[in-house]
N, C-alpha and C. Protein backbone atom coordinates (compact mmCIF):
# COMPACT_ATOMS: atom_id res chain seq x y z
N MET A 1 -30.93 -45.11 -33.75
CA MET A 1 -29.76 -45.44 -32.94
C MET A 1 -30.26 -46.10 -31.65
N SER A 2 -29.65 -47.20 -31.30
CA SER A 2 -30.08 -47.93 -30.10
C SER A 2 -29.65 -47.19 -28.84
N LYS A 3 -30.27 -47.56 -27.75
CA LYS A 3 -29.94 -46.95 -26.45
C LYS A 3 -28.48 -47.22 -26.09
N ALA A 4 -28.00 -48.43 -26.36
CA ALA A 4 -26.60 -48.78 -26.06
C ALA A 4 -25.65 -47.95 -26.91
N SER A 5 -26.00 -47.72 -28.19
CA SER A 5 -25.15 -46.90 -29.07
C SER A 5 -25.10 -45.46 -28.60
N LYS A 6 -26.27 -44.93 -28.19
CA LYS A 6 -26.31 -43.56 -27.68
C LYS A 6 -25.47 -43.41 -26.42
N LEU A 7 -25.55 -44.41 -25.54
CA LEU A 7 -24.76 -44.38 -24.30
C LEU A 7 -23.27 -44.43 -24.62
N ALA A 8 -22.89 -45.30 -25.54
CA ALA A 8 -21.48 -45.41 -25.93
C ALA A 8 -20.99 -44.09 -26.54
N GLU A 9 -21.82 -43.47 -27.38
CA GLU A 9 -21.45 -42.19 -27.99
C GLU A 9 -21.32 -41.09 -26.94
N ALA A 10 -22.23 -41.05 -25.98
CA ALA A 10 -22.17 -40.06 -24.90
C ALA A 10 -20.92 -40.24 -24.07
N ARG A 11 -20.59 -41.50 -23.77
CA ARG A 11 -19.36 -41.77 -23.00
C ARG A 11 -18.13 -41.31 -23.76
N GLN A 12 -18.09 -41.59 -25.06
CA GLN A 12 -16.95 -41.18 -25.88
C GLN A 12 -16.81 -39.66 -25.92
N LYS A 13 -17.93 -38.95 -26.09
CA LYS A 13 -17.89 -37.48 -26.11
C LYS A 13 -17.41 -36.93 -24.76
N HIS A 14 -17.90 -37.52 -23.68
CA HIS A 14 -17.47 -37.08 -22.35
C HIS A 14 -15.97 -37.32 -22.18
N HIS A 15 -15.51 -38.49 -22.60
CA HIS A 15 -14.09 -38.81 -22.49
C HIS A 15 -13.24 -37.82 -23.28
N GLU A 16 -13.66 -37.54 -24.51
CA GLU A 16 -12.90 -36.61 -25.35
C GLU A 16 -12.90 -35.20 -24.77
N ALA A 17 -13.97 -34.82 -24.10
CA ALA A 17 -14.07 -33.47 -23.53
C ALA A 17 -13.29 -33.32 -22.24
N THR A 18 -13.02 -34.42 -21.56
CA THR A 18 -12.40 -34.32 -20.23
C THR A 18 -11.02 -34.95 -20.12
N HIS A 19 -10.49 -35.51 -21.18
CA HIS A 19 -9.20 -36.18 -21.11
C HIS A 19 -8.28 -35.78 -22.26
N ARG A 20 -7.00 -35.85 -22.02
CA ARG A 20 -5.97 -35.58 -23.01
C ARG A 20 -5.30 -36.91 -23.33
N GLU A 21 -5.12 -37.20 -24.59
CA GLU A 21 -4.46 -38.45 -24.96
C GLU A 21 -3.32 -38.16 -25.93
N ASP A 22 -2.37 -37.34 -25.52
CA ASP A 22 -1.20 -37.05 -26.34
C ASP A 22 -0.37 -38.33 -26.45
N VAL A 23 0.30 -38.47 -27.52
CA VAL A 23 1.12 -39.66 -27.73
C VAL A 23 2.17 -39.77 -26.63
N GLY A 24 2.24 -40.93 -26.02
CA GLY A 24 3.26 -41.20 -25.02
C GLY A 24 3.01 -40.59 -23.66
N GLU A 25 1.87 -39.96 -23.44
CA GLU A 25 1.61 -39.34 -22.14
C GLU A 25 0.45 -40.02 -21.45
N PRO A 26 0.49 -40.09 -20.14
CA PRO A 26 -0.67 -40.62 -19.41
C PRO A 26 -1.88 -39.69 -19.60
N VAL A 27 -3.03 -40.20 -19.30
CA VAL A 27 -4.25 -39.42 -19.42
C VAL A 27 -4.51 -38.69 -18.10
N MET A 28 -4.74 -37.38 -18.17
CA MET A 28 -5.07 -36.58 -16.99
C MET A 28 -6.19 -35.63 -17.38
N ASN A 29 -7.12 -35.45 -16.52
CA ASN A 29 -8.21 -34.51 -16.72
C ASN A 29 -7.63 -33.15 -17.12
N LEU A 30 -8.18 -32.55 -18.18
CA LEU A 30 -7.65 -31.28 -18.68
C LEU A 30 -7.71 -30.17 -17.63
N ASP A 31 -8.79 -30.10 -16.87
CA ASP A 31 -8.90 -29.07 -15.84
C ASP A 31 -7.81 -29.26 -14.79
N ALA A 32 -7.56 -30.50 -14.38
CA ALA A 32 -6.52 -30.77 -13.39
C ALA A 32 -5.15 -30.40 -13.95
N SER A 33 -4.91 -30.74 -15.20
CA SER A 33 -3.64 -30.41 -15.83
C SER A 33 -3.44 -28.89 -15.92
N ASP A 34 -4.48 -28.17 -16.29
CA ASP A 34 -4.39 -26.71 -16.36
C ASP A 34 -4.09 -26.11 -15.00
N VAL A 35 -4.77 -26.61 -13.97
CA VAL A 35 -4.53 -26.08 -12.62
C VAL A 35 -3.10 -26.38 -12.20
N TRP A 36 -2.59 -27.55 -12.53
CA TRP A 36 -1.20 -27.85 -12.21
C TRP A 36 -0.27 -26.88 -12.94
N ARG A 37 -0.43 -26.79 -14.26
CA ARG A 37 0.52 -26.03 -15.09
C ARG A 37 0.44 -24.52 -14.88
N LYS A 38 -0.77 -23.99 -14.73
CA LYS A 38 -0.94 -22.54 -14.64
C LYS A 38 -1.16 -22.04 -13.22
N GLY A 39 -1.59 -22.94 -12.33
CA GLY A 39 -1.95 -22.52 -10.98
C GLY A 39 -0.93 -22.92 -9.93
N LEU A 40 -0.76 -24.22 -9.71
CA LEU A 40 0.10 -24.68 -8.60
C LEU A 40 1.58 -24.70 -8.96
N ALA A 41 1.94 -25.30 -10.07
CA ALA A 41 3.37 -25.46 -10.40
C ALA A 41 4.15 -24.15 -10.35
N PRO A 42 3.62 -23.04 -10.88
CA PRO A 42 4.38 -21.79 -10.82
C PRO A 42 4.63 -21.29 -9.39
N LEU A 43 3.84 -21.76 -8.44
CA LEU A 43 3.99 -21.33 -7.05
C LEU A 43 5.03 -22.15 -6.29
N LEU A 44 5.41 -23.29 -6.83
CA LEU A 44 6.32 -24.19 -6.12
C LEU A 44 7.77 -23.90 -6.48
N THR A 45 8.64 -24.04 -5.48
CA THR A 45 10.07 -23.86 -5.70
C THR A 45 10.64 -25.13 -6.34
N LEU A 46 11.85 -25.02 -6.87
CA LEU A 46 12.53 -26.20 -7.39
C LEU A 46 12.68 -27.27 -6.31
N GLU A 47 12.98 -26.84 -5.10
CA GLU A 47 13.12 -27.78 -3.99
C GLU A 47 11.80 -28.51 -3.72
N GLN A 48 10.71 -27.79 -3.71
CA GLN A 48 9.40 -28.42 -3.48
C GLN A 48 9.06 -29.38 -4.62
N LEU A 49 9.33 -28.97 -5.84
CA LEU A 49 9.06 -29.84 -6.99
C LEU A 49 9.88 -31.12 -6.91
N GLU A 50 11.13 -30.99 -6.56
CA GLU A 50 12.00 -32.17 -6.47
C GLU A 50 11.55 -33.08 -5.33
N ARG A 51 11.16 -32.49 -4.20
CA ARG A 51 10.67 -33.29 -3.08
C ARG A 51 9.39 -34.04 -3.48
N LEU A 52 8.52 -33.37 -4.22
CA LEU A 52 7.30 -34.00 -4.70
C LEU A 52 7.62 -35.11 -5.70
N ARG A 53 8.58 -34.87 -6.58
CA ARG A 53 8.98 -35.89 -7.56
C ARG A 53 9.45 -37.16 -6.86
N VAL A 54 10.31 -36.99 -5.88
CA VAL A 54 10.82 -38.14 -5.13
C VAL A 54 9.68 -38.87 -4.42
N ALA A 55 8.77 -38.12 -3.82
CA ALA A 55 7.64 -38.73 -3.12
C ALA A 55 6.76 -39.53 -4.07
N LEU A 56 6.56 -39.02 -5.28
CA LEU A 56 5.74 -39.73 -6.26
C LEU A 56 6.44 -41.01 -6.74
N VAL A 57 7.74 -40.92 -6.97
CA VAL A 57 8.51 -42.08 -7.43
C VAL A 57 8.54 -43.17 -6.37
N THR A 58 8.75 -42.77 -5.11
CA THR A 58 8.91 -43.75 -4.03
C THR A 58 7.62 -44.13 -3.34
N ASN A 59 6.50 -43.53 -3.78
CA ASN A 59 5.20 -43.76 -3.14
C ASN A 59 5.28 -43.44 -1.65
N ASP A 60 5.84 -42.30 -1.33
CA ASP A 60 6.02 -41.84 0.04
C ASP A 60 4.66 -41.79 0.76
N PRO A 61 4.52 -42.49 1.88
CA PRO A 61 3.24 -42.50 2.58
C PRO A 61 2.87 -41.15 3.20
N ARG A 62 3.82 -40.23 3.28
CA ARG A 62 3.51 -38.90 3.81
C ARG A 62 2.73 -38.05 2.80
N LEU A 63 2.70 -38.49 1.55
CA LEU A 63 1.91 -37.83 0.51
C LEU A 63 0.55 -38.52 0.49
N GLU A 64 -0.42 -37.86 1.12
CA GLU A 64 -1.74 -38.46 1.37
C GLU A 64 -2.79 -38.04 0.36
N GLN A 65 -3.81 -38.84 0.26
CA GLN A 65 -5.00 -38.50 -0.51
C GLN A 65 -6.15 -38.32 0.47
N GLY A 66 -7.03 -37.36 0.19
CA GLY A 66 -8.26 -37.20 0.96
C GLY A 66 -8.16 -36.36 2.22
N VAL A 67 -7.00 -35.83 2.53
CA VAL A 67 -6.82 -34.96 3.70
C VAL A 67 -5.89 -33.81 3.32
N THR A 68 -5.97 -32.72 4.06
CA THR A 68 -5.05 -31.61 3.84
C THR A 68 -3.75 -31.86 4.58
N VAL A 69 -3.87 -32.24 5.85
CA VAL A 69 -2.69 -32.49 6.67
C VAL A 69 -3.07 -33.46 7.79
N LEU A 70 -2.11 -34.25 8.20
CA LEU A 70 -2.28 -35.15 9.35
C LEU A 70 -1.16 -34.89 10.33
N PRO A 71 -1.43 -34.89 11.62
CA PRO A 71 -2.78 -34.87 12.18
C PRO A 71 -3.43 -33.51 11.98
N ARG A 72 -4.74 -33.50 11.99
CA ARG A 72 -5.47 -32.24 11.84
C ARG A 72 -5.24 -31.40 13.09
N PRO A 73 -4.94 -30.12 12.92
CA PRO A 73 -4.72 -29.26 14.09
C PRO A 73 -6.04 -28.94 14.79
N ALA A 74 -5.97 -28.90 16.11
CA ALA A 74 -7.17 -28.57 16.90
C ALA A 74 -7.47 -27.07 16.82
N SER A 75 -6.41 -26.25 16.65
CA SER A 75 -6.57 -24.80 16.55
C SER A 75 -5.36 -24.23 15.84
N GLU A 76 -5.39 -22.91 15.59
CA GLU A 76 -4.23 -22.26 14.96
C GLU A 76 -2.99 -22.32 15.85
N ASP A 77 -3.20 -22.43 17.15
CA ASP A 77 -2.09 -22.46 18.10
C ASP A 77 -1.60 -23.87 18.41
N ASP A 78 -2.23 -24.87 17.81
CA ASP A 78 -1.86 -26.26 18.05
C ASP A 78 -0.40 -26.47 17.66
N PRO A 79 0.45 -26.94 18.58
CA PRO A 79 1.87 -27.12 18.28
C PRO A 79 2.19 -28.43 17.56
N GLY A 80 1.16 -29.24 17.27
CA GLY A 80 1.38 -30.56 16.69
C GLY A 80 2.09 -30.52 15.35
N GLU A 81 3.09 -31.40 15.20
CA GLU A 81 3.84 -31.47 13.95
C GLU A 81 3.12 -32.35 12.94
N ALA A 82 3.17 -31.93 11.70
CA ALA A 82 2.55 -32.68 10.62
C ALA A 82 3.34 -33.93 10.32
N THR A 83 2.63 -35.00 10.01
CA THR A 83 3.27 -36.25 9.61
C THR A 83 2.98 -36.59 8.15
N ALA A 84 1.94 -35.98 7.58
CA ALA A 84 1.56 -36.24 6.19
C ALA A 84 0.72 -35.09 5.68
N GLY A 85 0.65 -34.96 4.36
CA GLY A 85 -0.15 -33.91 3.78
C GLY A 85 -0.61 -34.27 2.38
N CYS A 86 -1.62 -33.54 1.92
CA CYS A 86 -2.13 -33.72 0.57
C CYS A 86 -1.10 -33.19 -0.43
N LEU A 87 -1.48 -33.15 -1.66
CA LEU A 87 -0.59 -32.67 -2.71
C LEU A 87 0.01 -31.31 -2.37
N ILE A 88 -0.81 -30.37 -1.92
CA ILE A 88 -0.32 -29.04 -1.56
C ILE A 88 0.33 -29.06 -0.18
N GLY A 89 -0.31 -29.71 0.77
CA GLY A 89 0.23 -29.78 2.12
C GLY A 89 1.60 -30.43 2.17
N PHE A 90 1.79 -31.49 1.40
CA PHE A 90 3.08 -32.16 1.37
C PHE A 90 4.17 -31.22 0.89
N CYS A 91 3.86 -30.42 -0.11
CA CYS A 91 4.85 -29.47 -0.65
C CYS A 91 5.29 -28.47 0.42
N ALA A 92 4.43 -28.18 1.37
CA ALA A 92 4.75 -27.22 2.43
C ALA A 92 5.57 -27.84 3.55
N MET A 93 5.62 -29.16 3.62
CA MET A 93 6.25 -29.83 4.77
C MET A 93 7.75 -29.57 4.88
N GLY A 94 8.40 -29.16 3.82
CA GLY A 94 9.82 -28.82 3.91
C GLY A 94 10.06 -27.48 4.58
N GLU A 95 9.09 -26.58 4.48
CA GLU A 95 9.22 -25.24 5.04
C GLU A 95 8.52 -25.10 6.39
N TYR A 96 7.48 -25.87 6.59
CA TYR A 96 6.68 -25.78 7.82
C TYR A 96 6.63 -27.13 8.50
N ARG A 97 6.54 -27.10 9.82
CA ARG A 97 6.46 -28.35 10.59
C ARG A 97 5.07 -28.55 11.20
N ARG A 98 4.49 -27.45 11.71
CA ARG A 98 3.20 -27.57 12.42
C ARG A 98 2.05 -27.79 11.44
N SER A 99 1.13 -28.65 11.81
CA SER A 99 -0.05 -28.90 10.99
C SER A 99 -0.83 -27.61 10.73
N ALA A 100 -0.94 -26.76 11.74
CA ALA A 100 -1.68 -25.50 11.59
C ALA A 100 -1.03 -24.61 10.54
N ASP A 101 0.30 -24.57 10.50
CA ASP A 101 1.00 -23.76 9.50
C ASP A 101 0.78 -24.32 8.10
N ILE A 102 0.75 -25.64 8.00
CA ILE A 102 0.53 -26.26 6.69
C ILE A 102 -0.89 -25.99 6.22
N GLU A 103 -1.86 -26.01 7.11
CA GLU A 103 -3.22 -25.65 6.72
C GLU A 103 -3.28 -24.20 6.24
N GLY A 104 -2.53 -23.31 6.89
CA GLY A 104 -2.47 -21.92 6.45
C GLY A 104 -1.85 -21.80 5.06
N TYR A 105 -0.77 -22.54 4.83
CA TYR A 105 -0.12 -22.57 3.51
C TYR A 105 -1.10 -23.08 2.46
N PHE A 106 -1.84 -24.12 2.80
CA PHE A 106 -2.83 -24.70 1.89
C PHE A 106 -3.86 -23.64 1.50
N ALA A 107 -4.41 -22.93 2.47
CA ALA A 107 -5.43 -21.91 2.20
C ALA A 107 -4.86 -20.79 1.33
N TYR A 108 -3.66 -20.32 1.66
CA TYR A 108 -3.01 -19.26 0.89
C TYR A 108 -2.77 -19.73 -0.55
N THR A 109 -2.27 -20.95 -0.71
CA THR A 109 -1.95 -21.47 -2.03
C THR A 109 -3.21 -21.64 -2.87
N CYS A 110 -4.28 -22.14 -2.27
CA CYS A 110 -5.55 -22.27 -3.00
C CYS A 110 -6.07 -20.91 -3.46
N ALA A 111 -5.93 -19.90 -2.61
CA ALA A 111 -6.35 -18.54 -3.00
C ALA A 111 -5.50 -18.03 -4.16
N GLU A 112 -4.22 -18.29 -4.13
CA GLU A 112 -3.32 -17.89 -5.22
C GLU A 112 -3.69 -18.60 -6.52
N ILE A 113 -4.02 -19.88 -6.42
CA ILE A 113 -4.44 -20.64 -7.61
C ILE A 113 -5.71 -20.02 -8.18
N ASP A 114 -6.66 -19.69 -7.31
CA ASP A 114 -7.90 -19.04 -7.77
C ASP A 114 -7.59 -17.78 -8.56
N THR A 115 -6.68 -16.97 -8.05
CA THR A 115 -6.30 -15.72 -8.72
C THR A 115 -5.67 -16.02 -10.07
N ARG A 116 -4.74 -16.95 -10.10
CA ARG A 116 -4.05 -17.28 -11.34
C ARG A 116 -5.00 -17.84 -12.39
N MET A 117 -5.98 -18.61 -11.95
CA MET A 117 -6.90 -19.27 -12.87
C MET A 117 -8.16 -18.43 -13.14
N SER A 118 -8.32 -17.32 -12.43
CA SER A 118 -9.52 -16.47 -12.54
C SER A 118 -10.80 -17.28 -12.33
N GLU A 119 -10.75 -18.13 -11.32
CA GLU A 119 -11.89 -19.00 -11.02
C GLU A 119 -11.89 -19.30 -9.53
N GLN A 120 -13.04 -19.14 -8.90
CA GLN A 120 -13.13 -19.50 -7.49
C GLN A 120 -13.03 -21.01 -7.33
N ALA A 121 -12.31 -21.43 -6.32
CA ALA A 121 -12.13 -22.86 -5.99
C ALA A 121 -11.53 -23.64 -7.16
N ALA A 122 -10.66 -23.01 -7.94
CA ALA A 122 -10.04 -23.67 -9.09
C ALA A 122 -9.18 -24.86 -8.67
N ALA A 123 -8.58 -24.78 -7.51
CA ALA A 123 -7.71 -25.87 -7.05
C ALA A 123 -8.46 -27.19 -6.95
N ARG A 124 -9.78 -27.13 -6.83
CA ARG A 124 -10.57 -28.35 -6.68
C ARG A 124 -10.38 -29.31 -7.84
N HIS A 125 -10.14 -28.77 -9.04
CA HIS A 125 -9.96 -29.65 -10.20
C HIS A 125 -8.76 -30.57 -10.01
N LEU A 126 -7.67 -30.01 -9.55
CA LEU A 126 -6.47 -30.81 -9.31
C LEU A 126 -6.61 -31.66 -8.05
N LEU A 127 -7.14 -31.07 -6.99
CA LEU A 127 -7.28 -31.80 -5.73
C LEU A 127 -8.28 -32.95 -5.86
N ASN A 128 -9.37 -32.74 -6.57
CA ASN A 128 -10.33 -33.82 -6.79
C ASN A 128 -9.71 -34.93 -7.62
N PHE A 129 -8.93 -34.55 -8.64
CA PHE A 129 -8.23 -35.56 -9.43
C PHE A 129 -7.32 -36.38 -8.52
N TRP A 130 -6.58 -35.70 -7.66
CA TRP A 130 -5.65 -36.37 -6.76
C TRP A 130 -6.39 -37.26 -5.76
N ASP A 131 -7.45 -36.75 -5.16
CA ASP A 131 -8.16 -37.47 -4.10
C ASP A 131 -9.06 -38.59 -4.60
N ASP A 132 -9.65 -38.43 -5.77
CA ASP A 132 -10.73 -39.31 -6.20
C ASP A 132 -10.32 -40.44 -7.14
N ASN A 133 -9.05 -40.55 -7.45
CA ASN A 133 -8.60 -41.58 -8.38
C ASN A 133 -7.61 -42.51 -7.71
N PRO A 134 -7.42 -43.70 -8.28
CA PRO A 134 -6.49 -44.66 -7.68
C PRO A 134 -5.08 -44.06 -7.56
N ARG A 135 -4.45 -44.33 -6.45
CA ARG A 135 -3.15 -43.75 -6.13
C ARG A 135 -2.11 -43.99 -7.23
N ASP A 136 -2.03 -45.20 -7.75
CA ASP A 136 -1.04 -45.49 -8.79
C ASP A 136 -1.27 -44.67 -10.04
N VAL A 137 -2.54 -44.44 -10.38
CA VAL A 137 -2.87 -43.65 -11.57
C VAL A 137 -2.46 -42.19 -11.37
N VAL A 138 -2.86 -41.61 -10.25
CA VAL A 138 -2.55 -40.18 -10.03
C VAL A 138 -1.06 -39.96 -9.82
N ARG A 139 -0.41 -40.92 -9.20
CA ARG A 139 1.05 -40.79 -9.04
C ARG A 139 1.74 -40.74 -10.40
N ALA A 140 1.36 -41.64 -11.29
CA ALA A 140 1.98 -41.68 -12.62
C ALA A 140 1.68 -40.41 -13.41
N ASP A 141 0.42 -39.99 -13.40
CA ASP A 141 0.05 -38.79 -14.16
C ASP A 141 0.72 -37.55 -13.60
N LEU A 142 0.70 -37.40 -12.30
CA LEU A 142 1.31 -36.22 -11.70
C LEU A 142 2.82 -36.24 -11.85
N LEU A 143 3.43 -37.41 -11.78
CA LEU A 143 4.88 -37.50 -11.97
C LEU A 143 5.26 -36.97 -13.35
N THR A 144 4.49 -37.29 -14.36
CA THR A 144 4.75 -36.76 -15.70
C THR A 144 4.71 -35.23 -15.69
N GLU A 145 3.71 -34.67 -15.03
CA GLU A 145 3.59 -33.22 -14.95
C GLU A 145 4.75 -32.60 -14.16
N VAL A 146 5.12 -33.21 -13.05
CA VAL A 146 6.21 -32.69 -12.23
C VAL A 146 7.52 -32.74 -13.01
N GLN A 147 7.77 -33.85 -13.69
CA GLN A 147 9.00 -33.96 -14.48
C GLN A 147 9.04 -32.94 -15.60
N ARG A 148 7.90 -32.68 -16.24
CA ARG A 148 7.83 -31.66 -17.30
C ARG A 148 8.15 -30.29 -16.71
N THR A 149 7.56 -30.00 -15.57
CA THR A 149 7.78 -28.70 -14.92
C THR A 149 9.25 -28.53 -14.54
N LEU A 150 9.84 -29.57 -13.96
CA LEU A 150 11.26 -29.50 -13.58
C LEU A 150 12.14 -29.29 -14.82
N ALA A 151 11.86 -29.99 -15.89
CA ALA A 151 12.65 -29.83 -17.12
C ALA A 151 12.53 -28.40 -17.65
N GLU A 152 11.32 -27.85 -17.64
CA GLU A 152 11.12 -26.47 -18.10
C GLU A 152 11.87 -25.48 -17.23
N ARG A 153 11.79 -25.67 -15.92
CA ARG A 153 12.48 -24.75 -15.00
C ARG A 153 13.98 -24.82 -15.19
N ARG A 154 14.50 -26.02 -15.32
CA ARG A 154 15.95 -26.18 -15.48
C ARG A 154 16.41 -25.57 -16.81
N ALA A 155 15.63 -25.74 -17.85
CA ALA A 155 15.96 -25.13 -19.14
C ALA A 155 15.93 -23.61 -19.03
N ASP A 156 14.96 -23.08 -18.30
CA ASP A 156 14.90 -21.63 -18.08
C ASP A 156 16.15 -21.14 -17.35
N LEU A 157 16.61 -21.90 -16.37
CA LEU A 157 17.83 -21.51 -15.64
C LEU A 157 19.05 -21.53 -16.55
N VAL A 158 19.17 -22.54 -17.37
CA VAL A 158 20.28 -22.62 -18.30
C VAL A 158 20.25 -21.43 -19.25
N ASN A 159 19.08 -21.14 -19.80
CA ASN A 159 18.95 -20.00 -20.71
C ASN A 159 19.28 -18.69 -20.02
N PHE A 160 18.87 -18.54 -18.78
CA PHE A 160 19.17 -17.33 -18.01
C PHE A 160 20.67 -17.14 -17.88
N TRP A 161 21.36 -18.19 -17.45
CA TRP A 161 22.80 -18.08 -17.23
C TRP A 161 23.57 -17.94 -18.53
N GLU A 162 23.10 -18.55 -19.59
CA GLU A 162 23.76 -18.36 -20.88
C GLU A 162 23.61 -16.91 -21.34
N ALA A 163 22.44 -16.32 -21.12
CA ALA A 163 22.22 -14.93 -21.49
C ALA A 163 23.10 -14.00 -20.65
N LYS A 164 23.26 -14.34 -19.36
CA LYS A 164 24.11 -13.54 -18.47
C LYS A 164 25.56 -13.56 -18.95
N GLU A 165 26.01 -14.72 -19.39
CA GLU A 165 27.39 -14.85 -19.86
C GLU A 165 27.64 -14.02 -21.10
N GLN A 166 26.61 -13.82 -21.91
CA GLN A 166 26.76 -13.06 -23.15
C GLN A 166 26.69 -11.56 -22.93
N GLU A 167 26.30 -11.12 -21.74
CA GLU A 167 26.20 -9.68 -21.46
C GLU A 167 27.55 -9.04 -21.35
């Protein structure tokens, strides 16, 4: 086997091990998808999910890559209001205004993700996917995940209320 063939085979194996190619779905790193589905999404409210969906659709500049929150707080007591946030930080912006509070939310949420995933620093899989890839790609992939999560939550609500009516 030639060196080029071995390289092509190694690339294909790596791709198959790290990507999902379901029919009709964008490709997202499996670890990032798992962290979204099992770690972060269950922690977000319907309001946060909807706000994130709109931000992804409209390419909201307040949804940043590569930072937790802007401006960065100088201290925990810094009164500065946040103007933008990362994937997790942006979700907190509806409930919190101060950059320091959003950083606290980020730390708490990452710890919760670690617990849910039984892995230290598990959030890094999703955050690295978000930070390290082209914005249009991650927006499209994450939008698919957010829409799936919203559909599941709404179906759960319908089922809940239908069951209540039958009681």
